[in-house]
Amino acid sequence: MRALLPGLLAAAAAAALAAFASLHAPGRPVVRLDAGLLVAETPRLAWTFDTAWRVERLHDLRRDPTRREDASARLPEEARWLRAAALRRLRLRSLEEVPRGGTPEMERLRELGYL
C-alpha cells in the first residue's frame, strides 16, 4: 500500500494541475470586472473595456507586460474574440449594454454635456 501512495499522489497532483490549466487556457478567457474595467484575459492577451470612458483596448502581455500599448489594430480578431467572450459571460449583446461606471464627478460632467 505504501508503495502505491507516491504514485497516487503524483496522479492526483497532475490531475489538479491539468484542471487549473484548463481554466486559464487560451481557449477559455477569464472574465472579471475590476475597478471600472471589464477584463477578458488569457495568459497571452488582456482585453479591457473602461466602463466610464467607454474605451476598449487589447494588450499583448508577452510583448507588453506593462499594458501600455493598445494592440487592437495589430490583433483585431483576437480583440473581437475576447470582447465576445466578455459579453457572453455577462449575457449581453453589445458593449452599449454594459452599465456605465465612473465617479460622481464624471457623472456630473456627463450631465453637463462635457463628456
Protein backbone atom coordinates (compact mmCIF):
# COMPACT_ATOMS: atom_id res chain seq x y z
CA MET A 1 0.00 0.00 0.00
CA ARG A 2 2.79 2.44 0.89
CA ALA A 3 4.44 1.75 -2.45
CA LEU A 4 1.29 2.95 -4.25
CA LEU A 5 0.94 6.19 -2.28
CA PRO A 6 3.59 8.28 -4.14
CA GLY A 7 2.13 7.25 -7.49
CA LEU A 8 -1.41 8.12 -6.38
CA LEU A 9 -0.28 11.49 -5.04
CA ALA A 10 1.56 12.26 -8.27
CA ALA A 11 -1.51 11.33 -10.34
CA ALA A 12 -3.76 13.49 -8.15
CA ALA A 13 -1.36 16.44 -8.42
CA ALA A 14 -1.17 16.06 -12.20
CA ALA A 15 -4.98 15.98 -12.46
CA ALA A 16 -5.29 19.10 -10.29
CA LEU A 17 -2.70 20.92 -12.39
CA ALA A 18 -4.48 19.96 -15.61
CA ALA A 19 -7.81 21.18 -14.23
CA PHE A 20 -6.28 24.50 -13.17
CA ALA A 21 -4.54 24.95 -16.52
CA SER A 22 -7.77 24.32 -18.42
CA LEU A 23 -9.41 27.21 -16.56
CA HIS A 24 -6.75 29.58 -17.87
CA ALA A 25 -6.12 28.05 -21.27
CA PRO A 26 -6.08 30.29 -24.35
CA GLY A 27 -9.44 28.82 -25.37
CA ARG A 28 -11.18 29.99 -22.20
CA PRO A 29 -10.57 33.59 -21.11
CA VAL A 30 -11.08 34.69 -17.53
CA VAL A 31 -13.67 37.50 -17.40
CA ARG A 32 -13.96 39.88 -14.46
CA LEU A 33 -14.99 43.41 -13.53
CA ASP A 34 -12.06 45.16 -11.89
CA ALA A 35 -12.29 48.78 -10.66
CA GLY A 36 -14.42 50.05 -13.53
CA LEU A 37 -12.73 47.86 -16.13
CA LEU A 38 -14.38 44.90 -17.78
CA VAL A 39 -11.50 42.48 -18.40
CA ALA A 40 -11.25 39.33 -20.53
CA GLU A 41 -7.83 37.75 -20.14
CA THR A 42 -5.79 34.78 -21.29
CA PRO A 43 -2.16 34.10 -20.37
CA ARG A 44 -1.13 35.94 -23.56
CA LEU A 45 -3.79 38.64 -24.09
CA ALA A 46 -5.83 41.06 -21.99
CA TRP A 47 -8.84 42.89 -23.44
CA THR A 48 -10.21 45.75 -21.33
CA PHE A 49 -13.27 47.97 -21.58
CA ASP A 50 -13.32 51.10 -19.44
CA THR A 51 -16.92 51.36 -18.26
CA ALA A 52 -16.62 55.10 -17.56
CA TRP A 53 -14.82 56.32 -20.69
CA ARG A 54 -16.29 53.56 -22.93
CA VAL A 55 -12.88 52.72 -24.40
CA GLU A 56 -11.67 49.22 -25.23
CA ARG A 57 -8.05 48.14 -25.56
CA LEU A 58 -6.17 44.93 -26.23
CA HIS A 59 -2.81 44.17 -24.63
CA ASP A 60 -0.33 41.57 -25.85
CA LEU A 61 1.10 40.55 -22.48
CA ARG A 62 4.15 38.82 -23.94
CA ARG A 63 5.26 41.85 -25.95
CA ASP A 64 3.99 44.48 -23.50
CA PRO A 65 3.64 43.12 -19.94
CA THR A 66 3.11 46.65 -18.54
CA ARG A 67 -0.03 47.08 -20.70
CA ARG A 68 0.99 50.42 -22.20
CA GLU A 69 0.35 49.69 -25.90
CA ASP A 70 -3.01 49.01 -27.50
CA ALA A 71 -2.64 46.00 -29.81
CA SER A 72 -6.22 46.14 -31.17
CA ALA A 73 -5.15 47.35 -34.63
CA ARG A 74 -2.48 44.65 -34.87
CA LEU A 75 -4.69 41.85 -33.49
CA PRO A 76 -8.30 42.75 -34.43
CA GLU A 77 -9.61 39.18 -34.48
CA GLU A 78 -8.28 38.50 -31.00
CA ALA A 79 -9.90 41.72 -29.75
CA ARG A 80 -13.26 40.69 -31.25
CA TRP A 81 -12.94 37.19 -29.76
CA LEU A 82 -12.19 38.45 -26.23
CA ARG A 83 -14.93 41.12 -26.46
CA ALA A 84 -17.42 38.41 -27.47
CA ALA A 85 -16.25 36.18 -24.59
CA ALA A 86 -16.79 39.01 -22.09
CA LEU A 87 -20.24 39.80 -23.46
CA ARG A 88 -21.22 36.11 -23.44
CA ARG A 89 -20.08 35.78 -19.83
CA LEU A 90 -22.24 38.78 -18.83
CA ARG A 91 -25.11 37.63 -21.09
CA LEU A 92 -25.10 40.91 -23.02
CA ARG A 93 -25.39 41.55 -26.75
CA SER A 94 -23.23 44.67 -27.06
CA LEU A 95 -20.91 46.98 -25.13
CA GLU A 96 -23.71 49.58 -25.01
CA GLU A 97 -25.48 47.27 -22.54
CA VAL A 98 -22.54 47.31 -20.10
CA PRO A 99 -23.52 49.56 -17.17
CA ARG A 100 -21.69 52.88 -17.23
CA GLY A 101 -19.15 53.30 -14.45
CA GLY A 102 -17.39 56.36 -13.14
CA THR A 103 -17.07 58.75 -10.26
CA PRO A 104 -19.74 61.24 -9.20
CA GLU A 105 -17.58 63.99 -10.73
CA MET A 106 -17.58 62.22 -14.10
CA GLU A 107 -21.35 61.73 -13.89
CA ARG A 108 -21.80 65.49 -13.26
CA LEU A 109 -19.56 66.38 -16.24
CA ARG A 110 -21.58 63.94 -18.36
CA GLU A 111 -24.85 65.58 -17.23
CA LEU A 112 -23.45 69.00 -18.21
CA GLY A 113 -22.53 67.71 -21.66
CA TYR A 114 -18.75 67.78 -21.30
CA LEU A 115 -18.37 64.02 -21.70
